[in-house]
Amino acid sequence: MRILKGDMVVVCTGDDSGKVARKVLRLEEGGVKIVVENVNRVYRHVKKGHPKSPQGGRLSIEMPIDASNVQVYCPKCDRGVRVGNRLDADGKKYRGCRKCGTALKAAGK
């Protein structure tokens, strides 16, 4: 998969299908699973004294989804696209949209 931390992605399948997410938070299991901001949120019930919630209660957290269920978002095409490696005029590699050739950079880069 050519999905990196910080990419904008479009969710293709599941309950959150069609959502354009701002960024990928982290990659898990060698890039097979990804955690996307505000996608696949679940409630985790915690007891009192938990570091994130000392009073206890329900925490809403993101769970990993399969990387094959998302596509990288191209702002020029305004949709999810396939990504390929391209060469610029200087001979440097960059990730680009397969449809329009626009350079796609991760949000953190």
Protein backbone atom coordinates (compact mmCIF):
# COMPACT_ATOMS: atom_id res chain seq x y z
CA MET A 1 0.00 0.00 0.00
CA ARG A 2 1.15 3.53 -0.71
CA ILE A 3 -0.60 5.17 2.22
CA LEU A 4 1.57 7.18 4.59
CA LYS A 5 1.04 8.78 7.98
CA GLY A 6 -0.51 12.21 7.47
CA ASP A 7 -2.26 11.44 4.15
CA MET A 8 -5.79 12.64 3.42
CA VAL A 9 -7.90 9.61 2.55
CA VAL A 10 -11.42 8.71 1.40
CA VAL A 11 -13.13 5.75 3.07
CA CYS A 12 -14.54 3.42 0.37
CA THR A 13 -16.39 0.78 2.42
CA GLY A 14 -18.00 0.29 5.80
CA ASP A 15 -20.13 2.46 8.06
CA ASP A 16 -18.05 5.57 7.32
CA SER A 17 -18.13 5.09 3.56
CA GLY A 18 -17.69 8.31 1.57
CA LYS A 19 -16.04 10.25 4.40
CA VAL A 20 -13.03 12.35 3.48
CA ALA A 21 -10.70 12.13 6.47
CA ARG A 22 -8.17 14.84 7.23
CA LYS A 23 -5.31 12.52 8.02
CA VAL A 24 -4.02 9.06 8.78
CA LEU A 25 -2.90 9.02 12.42
CA ARG A 26 -0.75 5.88 12.38
CA LEU A 27 0.02 2.67 10.50
CA GLU A 28 -0.21 -0.71 12.23
CA GLU A 29 0.89 -4.24 11.35
CA GLY A 30 3.31 -3.06 8.68
CA GLY A 31 0.83 -0.82 6.89
CA VAL A 32 -1.94 -3.42 6.58
CA LYS A 33 -4.14 -1.63 9.12
CA ILE A 34 -4.41 2.14 9.52
CA VAL A 35 -5.97 4.44 12.11
CA VAL A 36 -7.79 7.36 10.49
CA GLU A 37 -8.93 10.53 12.28
CA ASN A 38 -12.68 10.42 13.18
CA VAL A 39 -13.30 7.13 11.34
CA ASN A 40 -14.36 3.82 12.96
CA ARG A 41 -14.88 5.39 16.40
CA VAL A 42 -15.88 3.07 19.24
CA TYR A 43 -16.54 3.52 22.95
CA ARG A 44 -14.11 2.02 25.43
CA HIS A 45 -15.51 1.72 28.96
CA VAL A 46 -12.87 2.47 31.59
CA LYS A 47 -12.81 2.22 35.38
CA LYS A 48 -11.90 5.05 37.73
CA GLY A 49 -8.21 5.77 37.94
CA HIS A 50 -7.48 5.23 34.24
CA PRO A 51 -4.70 7.64 33.09
CA LYS A 52 -6.77 9.12 30.24
CA SER A 53 -9.98 9.40 32.24
CA PRO A 54 -9.42 9.49 36.04
CA GLN A 55 -13.16 9.79 36.79
CA GLY A 56 -13.96 6.74 34.62
CA GLY A 57 -16.70 6.48 32.01
CA ARG A 58 -16.71 6.03 28.23
CA LEU A 59 -13.80 7.05 26.00
CA SER A 60 -14.45 7.47 22.28
CA ILE A 61 -11.40 6.22 20.36
CA GLU A 62 -10.51 5.38 16.76
CA MET A 63 -9.91 1.74 15.90
CA PRO A 64 -7.82 0.47 12.97
CA ILE A 65 -9.38 -0.29 9.59
CA ASP A 66 -7.90 -2.23 6.71
CA ALA A 67 -5.78 -0.12 4.36
CA SER A 68 -7.56 -1.65 1.36
CA ASN A 69 -10.78 0.10 2.44
CA VAL A 70 -9.42 3.61 1.81
CA GLN A 71 -7.99 5.57 -1.12
CA VAL A 72 -5.68 8.57 -1.06
CA TYR A 73 -7.58 11.83 -1.69
CA CYS A 74 -6.49 14.01 -4.63
CA PRO A 75 -7.53 17.67 -4.17
CA LYS A 76 -7.32 18.38 -7.91
CA CYS A 77 -9.52 15.42 -8.91
CA ASP A 78 -11.66 15.92 -5.76
CA ARG A 79 -11.96 12.18 -5.12
CA GLY A 80 -10.07 9.09 -4.00
CA VAL A 81 -7.41 7.98 -6.47
CA ARG A 82 -4.73 5.40 -7.02
CA VAL A 83 -1.20 6.54 -6.30
CA GLY A 84 1.97 5.83 -8.24
CA ASN A 85 5.63 6.80 -8.06
CA ARG A 86 6.70 9.47 -10.55
CA LEU A 87 9.90 11.30 -11.44
CA ASP A 88 10.12 15.09 -11.59
CA ALA A 89 12.37 17.13 -13.89
CA ASP A 90 15.31 16.81 -11.45
CA GLY A 91 15.00 13.03 -11.36
CA LYS A 92 13.61 12.91 -7.81
CA LYS A 93 10.86 10.45 -6.94
CA TYR A 94 7.48 11.65 -5.70
CA ARG A 95 4.05 10.12 -5.15
CA GLY A 96 1.54 11.27 -7.71
CA CYS A 97 -2.09 10.81 -8.68
CA ARG A 98 -2.45 8.22 -11.44
CA LYS A 99 -5.28 10.21 -13.02
CA CYS A 100 -3.93 13.78 -13.21
CA GLY A 101 -0.29 13.41 -12.11
CA THR A 102 -0.58 15.90 -9.20
CA ALA A 103 2.08 15.46 -6.51
CA LEU A 104 0.52 14.10 -3.32
CA LYS A 105 2.27 14.97 -0.09
CA ALA A 106 1.43 13.74 3.38
CA ALA A 107 0.12 16.45 5.72
CA GLY A 108 3.14 16.15 8.01
CA LYS A 109 5.68 16.53 5.19
